[in-house]
Every structure is written in structure tokens, then in C-alpha cells.
Amino acid sequence: MSDSARPYVLVVFGATGFTGRLVAEYLARTVGVRVPWALAGRNRQKLAEVRAEIAKVNPECASVDLLEASVDDPASLARMTAATRVLITTVGPYAKYGLGVAEACVESATDYVDITGEPDFVNEVIARCDAKAREKGVRVVNTCGFDSIPHDLGVLYTVHKLPHDRPITVEGFVRSRGTFSGGTWQSAIHAFAHMRESVKRERTQMKGTTEGSRRVRGMRPRLRYDRELHAWACPLPTIDPQVVLRSARALDEYGPDFRYGHHAEIHSTAVMAGGVVGVGALVALSQVGVTRRWLESFKSSGEGPSELERARAWFTVKFRGQAGDKSVLTQVRGGDPGYTETAKMLAESALCLAEERATLPARYGVLTPAVAMGDALIDRLQAAGIVFEVLEAT
């Protein structure tokens, strides 16, 4: 089906979930009915409740269409994906519910965005969907929330401030204040349960890969006190380094030899020690089926922080870049990382794919945000209030 024959520019799948509702609210405020879009999920009554909520934000959105679709019904996924240019999915954990959605998008030649932070899922999507997506001219873009847009686009923004003909090293330092939803908790427990695979992946990243004459590798994670930041730099076992290194392999501006290291920036020794112990305990408990199910029962998908809690939340990610005698310190910062800003990042990613398709680089397949959208998405996010800035340059 051609784009002109599709009734929708965007469809929000999982609109009745916590993050899905936030995406719908963001679109109601910023897009209204300027572009045709729809809410999708398995329960029409709950979808109607979401539509009534966003109509309070923007009365025009009382006319937004509702589509019934379920991950358990491949035919419904095919109908949904064939009806839109870009699909936004917030249905997670993605390792359980996401692959069929991505495959349906590729079959329908529909661009796709999600907010997964699950490395195993992303690797499976690459293995199952990349070749066909390239063949069909489809962009499948994972990690379009706090995992991993500030990190992926922050590194891209940083390397653009450095000479590209020299080896480049970038280190990222993350600080945040915020709470998390049930969906994020479920995804985190799944990731901890597969920590052994993550360790193997990190070792592979440190060895690096060579693309022609270019080398790309991760930095060995280690706990240390960083005297420039006056803070502890604590290794952070997230998907973000994997995403950054994928971008570096695909884009020439990352220099002939690129290295990336990723850390939490912690200013309290007590908090640092408690975090190390706490994460270690979660990893250990998630390895055993009984205790893993016990952990999963603490928060169910669909739960999330209150509006007041989200209003008080914030994040910063600093990037220290070095290329020969040139150095730069940059920062990406915004509000509530897990939900308010994640919804914004996800919606703007989808709008970027939909509205700027003709001017985006002609790259297709399973892509990172930096490779798929790059500067175009940075510009949109800055216009939406997420700050990209240079703090120091020498």
C-alpha cells in the first residue's frame, strides 16, 4: 500500500498503557489533528477512555480513531500496520510482546519506533528484520526513549564538535532523579536475568570491530572517582553503549578509531555503595525462576509515577570528548527521563520519520536513532525543550 493510501500518518499501539497515554497526550497537545493519527490496543473501551482524556487536552482529538489490535492476533497487527506510515509501540516487555509487531511493520513497509532497553530483543529484531527492512526501504528504530536517545544523539552532537580525521574517545556520565513504571521494572528484571549474556556482549564491544580502516570499541567499565566531575563514575549496565557503538560503526564522522565509555555520575559515596549492592542483589535474585517472579510481582505493567513525581524529576547526561589536542564537554538535559521526556522523544522520533522522510538519509533496516534521523531529530528535540549544549571546548 502506498503512503497516500494509508489513512493514518501515526498509530500509537499500546495507548492504554502508562507511557502510551503520555504519548497520546503529547500528540494531542503538539499535533492535534494536523496529521491523521489513531490509538490502538486490544480493548476498545479502554481506548475510548484514553480518547476522552486527550479530548480534555485538545477537544479536536475527540475525533481520533480507535483501532483494535493484539500481539496475540497476527491478522490484527497486519491490519494496523498497513494503515499507517509510522507505528509507535509501547507494548512491553518487548522480549515477550515486540517481535511480531516489528515483523508486521516490515511486511507492511511501515516505519517503526519503540522505547525498548532490552539488548536481547534488539539483537533479535536485527537478526529477523534487518535484511528485509533494507530490501523494502523501511526504518525500524528501537530505543527511542531515555534508552537511548540522550546517549546516542548526545554522542553524535559531541563528535560533531571534534575533528573527524583523528581517533575520538567519548565518555558519558548520567545523572537523574525520577521514578519508574511497572513496564520499566519488568524490562529491568528481564535484563538482569540475562546479565551473563550482557557481560559477554560487553567483552565483545571492548575488543571492537573494524569497518574498513575504521575501528570501533567500548571502554573497559570500571568504578573510579572522577576528579574533573568531583563524583564517582560507576559502570552502568544499560543498552546505551551498544546503541552508541552501532551508530559509530555506521557513520564516518566518528573518526578512524572510536571508543565509548558509559557511567552513572554519583556524588555521594554512600549512594554509590548502596547502588552497587542493590543492583548486585537484583541480578542475583533474577537468576532463579521463583525469586524472579517474586520481583516481577512488585510492579505490574501499566503502573507509573504521579504527575507531581514526574514534575520533580530530571536528567543530565554529560559527554567528555577528546580527539588529539581538541576536547569538548557537552550535555543533554531535560525533565522526567522515564516518562514525560521518553514520551516526547518517542513521539518526536515518529513525527521525524513521518514528516521529514524525504530529507532524511537514505538508510534503511534496523537502525539506531542517530543513524536513522541524526541531526533532524536533535533539532526537533531542541525545539521541544530538550537541551543539547556545549559546556566547555578547548
Protein backbone atom coordinates (compact mmCIF):
# COMPACT_ATOMS: atom_id res chain seq x y z
CA MET A 1 0.00 0.00 0.00
CA SER A 2 1.34 3.46 -0.91
CA ASP A 3 1.68 6.11 1.77
CA SER A 4 -1.04 8.18 0.14
CA ALA A 5 -3.49 5.28 0.51
CA ARG A 6 -2.86 4.84 4.24
CA PRO A 7 -5.49 6.55 6.42
CA TYR A 8 -3.01 7.44 9.21
CA VAL A 9 0.37 9.07 9.49
CA LEU A 10 0.88 7.70 13.02
CA VAL A 11 -0.65 4.96 15.15
CA VAL A 12 0.07 4.67 18.88
CA PHE A 13 -0.05 0.96 19.76
CA GLY A 14 -0.35 0.29 23.49
CA ALA A 15 -2.17 3.58 24.02
CA THR A 16 -3.92 2.36 27.18
CA GLY A 17 -0.62 1.73 28.97
CA PHE A 18 1.09 4.35 31.12
CA THR A 19 3.64 5.52 28.54
CA GLY A 20 1.20 5.10 25.68
CA ARG A 21 -1.19 7.54 27.35
CA LEU A 22 1.61 10.08 27.77
CA VAL A 23 2.48 9.76 24.06
CA ALA A 24 -1.19 10.31 23.17
CA GLU A 25 -1.35 13.39 25.41
CA TYR A 26 1.82 14.78 23.85
CA LEU A 27 0.43 14.32 20.34
CA ALA A 28 -2.86 15.92 21.38
CA ARG A 29 -1.01 19.00 22.66
CA THR A 30 1.52 19.36 19.85
CA VAL A 31 -0.13 17.88 16.76
CA GLY A 32 -3.85 17.87 17.45
CA VAL A 33 -5.45 16.72 14.22
CA ARG A 34 -2.90 18.43 11.92
CA VAL A 35 -1.89 14.92 10.87
CA PRO A 36 -4.25 11.93 10.99
CA TRP A 37 -3.38 9.52 13.78
CA ALA A 38 -5.07 6.78 15.76
CA LEU A 39 -4.97 4.99 19.10
CA ALA A 40 -4.53 1.22 19.05
CA GLY A 41 -4.79 -1.55 21.61
CA ARG A 42 -6.68 -4.70 22.44
CA ASN A 43 -9.52 -3.15 24.48
CA ARG A 44 -11.76 -0.69 22.64
CA GLN A 45 -13.46 0.56 25.80
CA LYS A 46 -10.13 1.47 27.40
CA LEU A 47 -9.04 3.14 24.16
CA ALA A 48 -12.20 5.23 24.26
CA GLU A 49 -11.30 6.29 27.81
CA VAL A 50 -7.87 7.44 26.60
CA ARG A 51 -9.50 9.37 23.77
CA ALA A 52 -11.81 11.09 26.26
CA GLU A 53 -8.77 12.07 28.34
CA ILE A 54 -6.87 13.58 25.42
CA ALA A 55 -10.02 15.39 24.27
CA LYS A 56 -9.75 17.33 27.54
CA VAL A 57 -6.27 18.40 26.45
CA ASN A 58 -7.42 19.21 22.92
CA PRO A 59 -11.14 18.95 22.07
CA GLU A 60 -10.30 18.32 18.40
CA CYS A 61 -8.88 14.94 19.43
CA ALA A 62 -12.34 13.61 20.25
CA SER A 63 -12.32 12.54 16.60
CA VAL A 64 -9.13 10.44 16.82
CA ASP A 65 -9.85 6.94 15.53
CA LEU A 66 -9.56 3.73 17.58
CA LEU A 67 -8.05 0.51 16.24
CA GLU A 68 -8.31 -2.88 17.92
CA ALA A 69 -5.11 -4.91 17.70
CA SER A 70 -3.39 -7.50 19.86
CA VAL A 71 0.04 -9.13 19.86
CA ASP A 72 -1.85 -12.45 20.08
CA ASP A 73 -3.64 -11.79 16.78
CA PRO A 74 -1.23 -11.50 13.81
CA ALA A 75 -4.06 -10.56 11.44
CA SER A 76 -4.94 -7.56 13.60
CA LEU A 77 -1.28 -6.49 13.62
CA ALA A 78 -1.19 -6.71 9.83
CA ARG A 79 -4.32 -4.55 9.51
CA MET A 80 -2.99 -1.98 11.97
CA THR A 81 0.48 -1.65 10.45
CA ALA A 82 -0.86 -1.48 6.90
CA ALA A 83 -3.00 1.51 7.89
CA THR A 84 -0.17 3.85 8.94
CA ARG A 85 3.11 5.31 7.73
CA VAL A 86 4.75 5.04 11.18
CA LEU A 87 3.87 2.79 14.11
CA ILE A 88 4.67 3.82 17.68
CA THR A 89 4.65 0.84 20.03
CA THR A 90 4.87 0.99 23.82
CA VAL A 91 3.79 -2.64 24.34
CA GLY A 92 6.43 -4.28 26.52
CA PRO A 93 8.36 -6.06 27.78
CA TYR A 94 9.41 -6.19 24.16
CA ALA A 95 11.19 -9.52 24.50
CA LYS A 96 7.76 -11.04 25.20
CA TYR A 97 5.50 -8.94 23.00
CA GLY A 98 7.56 -6.99 20.49
CA LEU A 99 8.94 -9.17 17.72
CA GLY A 100 5.65 -9.85 15.96
CA VAL A 101 4.89 -6.13 15.89
CA ALA A 102 8.26 -5.30 14.30
CA GLU A 103 7.84 -8.09 11.74
CA ALA A 104 4.33 -6.88 10.86
CA CYS A 105 5.69 -3.39 10.24
CA VAL A 106 8.36 -4.70 7.88
CA GLU A 107 5.80 -6.80 5.99
CA SER A 108 3.58 -3.72 5.62
CA ALA A 109 6.52 -1.42 4.68
CA THR A 110 5.71 0.69 7.74
CA ASP A 111 8.34 2.55 9.74
CA TYR A 112 8.56 1.54 13.41
CA VAL A 113 9.70 3.13 16.69
CA ASP A 114 9.79 1.76 20.24
CA ILE A 115 11.31 2.50 23.65
CA THR A 116 12.89 -0.84 24.44
CA GLY A 117 16.00 -1.00 26.57
CA GLU A 118 16.35 -4.77 26.11
CA PRO A 119 19.56 -5.77 24.26
CA ASP A 120 18.39 -9.32 23.52
CA PHE A 121 15.24 -8.03 21.87
CA VAL A 122 17.13 -5.53 19.73
CA ASN A 123 19.57 -8.24 18.64
CA GLU A 124 16.66 -10.50 17.68
CA VAL A 125 15.00 -7.73 15.68
CA ILE A 126 18.27 -7.14 13.82
CA ALA A 127 18.60 -10.85 13.06
CA ARG A 128 14.98 -11.30 11.95
CA CYS A 129 14.10 -7.96 10.34
CA ASP A 130 17.17 -6.06 9.14
CA ALA A 131 17.68 -7.64 5.72
CA LYS A 132 14.02 -7.48 4.73
CA ALA A 133 13.63 -3.92 6.06
CA ARG A 134 16.59 -2.82 3.92
CA GLU A 135 15.04 -4.52 0.89
CA LYS A 136 11.69 -2.79 1.45
CA GLY A 137 13.07 0.64 2.38
CA VAL A 138 11.74 0.50 5.95
CA ARG A 139 13.26 2.14 9.03
CA VAL A 140 12.94 0.06 12.20
CA VAL A 141 14.24 2.22 15.04
CA ASN A 142 14.48 0.79 18.56
CA THR A 143 15.48 2.63 21.75
CA CYS A 144 13.67 5.91 21.06
CA GLY A 145 13.16 6.84 24.73
CA PHE A 146 15.56 7.68 27.55
CA ASP A 147 17.17 4.44 26.42
CA SER A 148 18.93 5.57 24.26
CA ILE A 149 18.20 8.92 22.61
CA PRO A 150 20.07 11.25 25.01
CA HIS A 151 23.13 9.00 24.82
CA ASP A 152 23.06 8.13 21.12
CA LEU A 153 22.25 11.65 19.91
CA GLY A 154 24.38 13.22 22.66
CA VAL A 155 27.44 11.37 21.37
CA LEU A 156 26.59 12.37 17.79
CA TYR A 157 26.27 16.02 18.90
CA THR A 158 29.62 15.71 20.68
CA VAL A 159 31.59 14.19 17.80
CA HIS A 160 30.27 16.95 15.54
CA LYS A 161 32.27 19.36 17.75
CA LEU A 162 35.52 17.42 17.17
CA PRO A 163 37.76 16.81 14.13
CA HIS A 164 36.70 13.64 12.30
CA ASP A 165 40.14 12.70 10.95
CA ARG A 166 41.59 11.70 14.34
CA PRO A 167 40.83 8.95 16.88
CA ILE A 168 37.90 10.02 19.07
CA THR A 169 37.16 8.98 22.66
CA VAL A 170 33.86 9.90 24.33
CA GLU A 171 32.73 9.14 27.88
CA GLY A 172 29.14 9.60 29.02
CA PHE A 173 28.10 10.40 32.61
CA VAL A 174 24.41 10.06 33.52
CA ARG A 175 22.58 11.69 36.45
CA SER A 176 18.86 11.58 37.02
CA ARG A 177 16.11 11.93 39.53
CA GLY A 178 12.89 10.08 38.86
CA THR A 179 10.76 7.02 39.41
CA PHE A 180 9.82 4.23 37.04
CA SER A 181 6.73 2.39 35.84
CA GLY A 182 5.76 -1.24 36.05
CA GLY A 183 6.76 -1.79 32.43
CA THR A 184 10.26 -0.49 33.08
CA TRP A 185 10.56 -2.68 36.18
CA GLN A 186 9.50 -5.75 34.21
CA SER A 187 12.04 -4.96 31.46
CA ALA A 188 14.81 -4.38 34.01
CA ILE A 189 14.22 -7.72 35.73
CA HIS A 190 14.30 -9.44 32.33
CA ALA A 191 17.61 -7.70 31.54
CA PHE A 192 19.11 -8.66 34.92
CA ALA A 193 18.07 -12.27 34.31
CA HIS A 194 20.21 -12.22 31.15
CA MET A 195 23.17 -10.38 32.69
CA ARG A 196 25.62 -13.14 31.74
CA GLU A 197 24.84 -12.56 28.07
CA SER A 198 25.30 -8.81 28.65
CA VAL A 199 28.77 -9.38 30.13
CA LYS A 200 29.76 -11.44 27.08
CA ARG A 201 28.44 -8.69 24.83
CA GLU A 202 30.44 -6.02 26.71
CA ARG A 203 33.62 -8.05 26.30
CA THR A 204 32.97 -8.24 22.57
CA GLN A 205 32.39 -4.48 22.46
CA MET A 206 35.71 -3.84 24.22
CA LYS A 207 37.55 -5.93 21.63
CA GLY A 208 35.97 -3.76 19.00
CA THR A 209 35.21 -4.24 15.34
CA THR A 210 36.94 -2.96 12.24
CA GLU A 211 34.94 -1.41 9.40
CA GLY A 212 37.43 -0.99 6.55
CA SER A 213 40.18 1.14 8.07
CA ARG A 214 37.95 2.28 10.98
CA ARG A 215 37.92 0.74 14.46
CA VAL A 216 35.05 0.96 16.95
CA ARG A 217 35.21 -0.35 20.52
CA GLY A 218 33.88 0.10 24.02
CA MET A 219 35.95 1.18 27.02
CA ARG A 220 36.50 -1.26 29.86
CA PRO A 221 33.94 -0.46 32.58
CA ARG A 222 35.44 0.27 35.99
CA LEU A 223 34.41 2.09 39.13
CA ARG A 224 36.51 5.20 39.76
CA TYR A 225 36.43 8.65 41.30
CA ASP A 226 36.47 11.28 38.54
CA ARG A 227 38.34 14.37 39.76
CA GLU A 228 37.03 16.62 36.98
CA LEU A 229 33.40 15.85 37.81
CA HIS A 230 34.05 15.56 41.58
CA ALA A 231 31.91 12.44 41.50
CA TRP A 232 32.04 8.67 41.29
CA ALA A 233 31.89 7.22 37.79
CA CYS A 234 30.08 3.92 38.18
CA PRO A 235 29.71 1.41 35.30
CA LEU A 236 26.13 1.38 34.05
CA PRO A 237 24.84 -1.94 32.60
CA THR A 238 22.37 -0.50 30.09
CA ILE A 239 21.82 -0.88 26.36
CA ASP A 240 23.15 2.62 25.64
CA PRO A 241 26.80 1.72 24.86
CA GLN A 242 25.63 -0.96 22.42
CA VAL A 243 23.49 1.63 20.62
CA VAL A 244 26.26 4.26 20.52
CA LEU A 245 28.76 1.76 19.11
CA ARG A 246 26.30 0.64 16.42
CA SER A 247 25.96 4.29 15.35
CA ALA A 248 29.74 4.71 15.33
CA ARG A 249 30.15 1.69 13.06
CA ALA A 250 27.67 3.14 10.58
CA LEU A 251 28.71 6.80 10.47
CA ASP A 252 32.07 8.11 9.26
CA GLU A 253 32.07 11.24 11.44
CA TYR A 254 33.01 9.12 14.48
CA GLY A 255 36.61 9.11 13.27
CA PRO A 256 39.07 6.40 12.23
CA ASP A 257 39.20 4.94 15.77
CA PHE A 258 36.27 5.48 18.14
CA ARG A 259 35.89 4.46 21.79
CA TYR A 260 32.95 4.98 24.12
CA GLY A 261 32.55 4.50 27.88
CA HIS A 262 29.32 4.82 29.85
CA HIS A 263 28.85 5.63 33.54
CA ALA A 264 26.46 6.79 36.21
CA GLU A 265 27.63 10.05 37.81
CA ILE A 266 27.16 9.67 41.58
CA HIS A 267 28.14 12.42 44.02
CA SER A 268 27.55 10.50 47.25
CA THR A 269 29.83 7.66 48.33
CA ALA A 270 27.00 6.15 50.38
CA VAL A 271 24.60 6.23 47.43
CA MET A 272 27.27 4.73 45.17
CA ALA A 273 27.93 1.85 47.58
CA GLY A 274 24.22 1.22 48.12
CA GLY A 275 23.56 1.21 44.40
CA VAL A 276 26.29 -1.32 43.70
CA VAL A 277 24.97 -3.63 46.42
CA GLY A 278 21.35 -3.17 45.36
CA VAL A 279 21.94 -3.90 41.67
CA GLY A 280 24.05 -6.92 42.62
CA ALA A 281 21.19 -8.29 44.73
CA LEU A 282 18.66 -7.77 41.92
CA VAL A 283 20.93 -9.53 39.43
CA ALA A 284 21.37 -12.49 41.80
CA LEU A 285 17.64 -12.79 42.59
CA SER A 286 16.63 -12.55 38.93
CA GLN A 287 18.68 -15.64 38.01
CA VAL A 288 16.24 -18.02 39.77
CA GLY A 289 12.72 -18.51 38.48
CA VAL A 290 10.94 -18.31 41.85
CA THR A 291 12.67 -15.16 43.05
CA ARG A 292 12.46 -13.59 39.58
CA ARG A 293 8.67 -13.99 39.58
CA TRP A 294 8.61 -12.54 43.10
CA LEU A 295 10.50 -9.46 41.90
CA GLU A 296 8.20 -9.11 38.88
CA SER A 297 5.16 -9.09 41.18
CA PHE A 298 6.27 -5.83 42.82
CA LYS A 299 5.15 -3.70 39.89
CA SER A 300 2.88 -4.68 37.02
CA SER A 301 3.00 -3.17 33.55
CA GLY A 302 0.82 -0.07 33.20
CA GLU A 303 1.69 1.42 36.59
CA GLY A 304 3.66 4.65 36.76
CA PRO A 305 4.59 7.73 38.79
CA SER A 306 2.16 10.56 39.56
CA GLU A 307 2.14 13.85 37.69
CA LEU A 308 3.73 15.57 40.70
CA GLU A 309 6.51 12.96 40.87
CA ARG A 310 7.18 13.40 37.17
CA ALA A 311 7.23 17.20 37.50
CA ARG A 312 10.03 16.93 40.09
CA ALA A 313 12.16 14.55 38.01
CA TRP A 314 15.09 15.49 35.77
CA PHE A 315 18.13 14.11 33.96
CA THR A 316 21.51 15.22 32.68
CA VAL A 317 24.00 13.32 30.55
CA LYS A 318 27.46 14.88 30.19
CA PHE A 319 29.82 13.81 27.40
CA ARG A 320 33.57 14.31 27.56
CA GLY A 321 35.03 14.06 24.06
CA GLN A 322 38.68 14.01 23.02
CA ALA A 323 40.27 13.98 19.55
CA GLY A 324 44.01 14.65 19.58
CA ASP A 325 44.57 18.04 21.23
CA LYS A 326 40.91 19.02 20.89
CA SER A 327 38.45 18.37 23.71
CA VAL A 328 34.84 19.22 24.42
CA LEU A 329 32.38 18.78 27.28
CA THR A 330 28.75 18.69 26.22
CA GLN A 331 25.48 17.99 27.97
CA VAL A 332 21.97 16.79 27.19
CA ARG A 333 19.38 17.65 29.83
CA GLY A 334 15.65 17.56 30.35
CA GLY A 335 12.83 16.73 32.72
CA ASP A 336 11.40 13.41 33.89
CA PRO A 337 13.53 10.87 31.99
CA GLY A 338 11.45 7.73 32.28
CA TYR A 339 8.07 9.01 31.18
CA THR A 340 7.43 12.66 30.30
CA GLU A 341 10.61 13.04 28.26
CA THR A 342 10.53 9.47 26.98
CA ALA A 343 7.02 10.09 25.59
CA LYS A 344 8.30 13.29 23.97
CA MET A 345 11.34 11.56 22.47
CA LEU A 346 9.23 8.69 21.12
CA ALA A 347 6.58 10.95 19.61
CA GLU A 348 9.15 13.28 18.04
CA SER A 349 11.02 10.28 16.60
CA ALA A 350 7.84 9.07 14.93
CA LEU A 351 6.99 12.56 13.65
CA CYS A 352 10.53 12.93 12.33
CA LEU A 353 10.21 9.69 10.34
CA ALA A 354 6.77 10.68 9.07
CA GLU A 355 7.20 14.37 8.29
CA GLU A 356 10.87 14.52 7.25
CA ARG A 357 11.12 11.24 5.36
CA ALA A 358 12.04 12.95 2.09
CA THR A 359 15.06 14.73 3.60
CA LEU A 360 16.35 12.01 5.95
CA PRO A 361 19.44 10.00 4.92
CA ALA A 362 18.54 7.08 2.64
CA ARG A 363 19.38 4.45 5.28
CA TYR A 364 17.06 1.53 5.91
CA GLY A 365 16.93 -1.58 8.06
CA VAL A 366 17.10 -1.89 11.84
CA LEU A 367 18.76 1.41 12.76
CA THR A 368 19.76 3.46 15.77
CA PRO A 369 18.17 6.91 16.25
CA ALA A 370 21.43 8.63 15.25
CA VAL A 371 21.73 6.61 12.04
CA ALA A 372 18.06 6.90 11.09
CA MET A 373 17.43 10.55 11.94
CA GLY A 374 20.57 12.20 13.35
CA ASP A 375 20.61 15.99 13.30
CA ALA A 376 16.98 16.23 12.16
CA LEU A 377 15.87 14.59 15.41
CA ILE A 378 18.28 16.67 17.52
CA ASP A 379 16.70 19.80 16.04
CA ARG A 380 13.18 18.55 16.80
CA LEU A 381 14.07 17.64 20.38
CA GLN A 382 15.69 21.00 20.99
CA ALA A 383 12.56 22.72 19.70
CA ALA A 384 10.56 20.53 22.10
CA GLY A 385 12.62 21.63 25.12
CA ILE A 386 15.35 19.01 25.50
CA VAL A 387 18.65 20.88 25.73
CA PHE A 388 21.83 19.97 23.83
CA GLU A 389 24.66 22.31 24.83
CA VAL A 390 28.43 22.77 24.89
CA LEU A 391 29.76 23.36 28.40
CA GLU A 392 33.48 23.61 27.60
CA ALA A 393 35.66 23.43 24.49
CA THR A 394 39.46 23.62 24.16
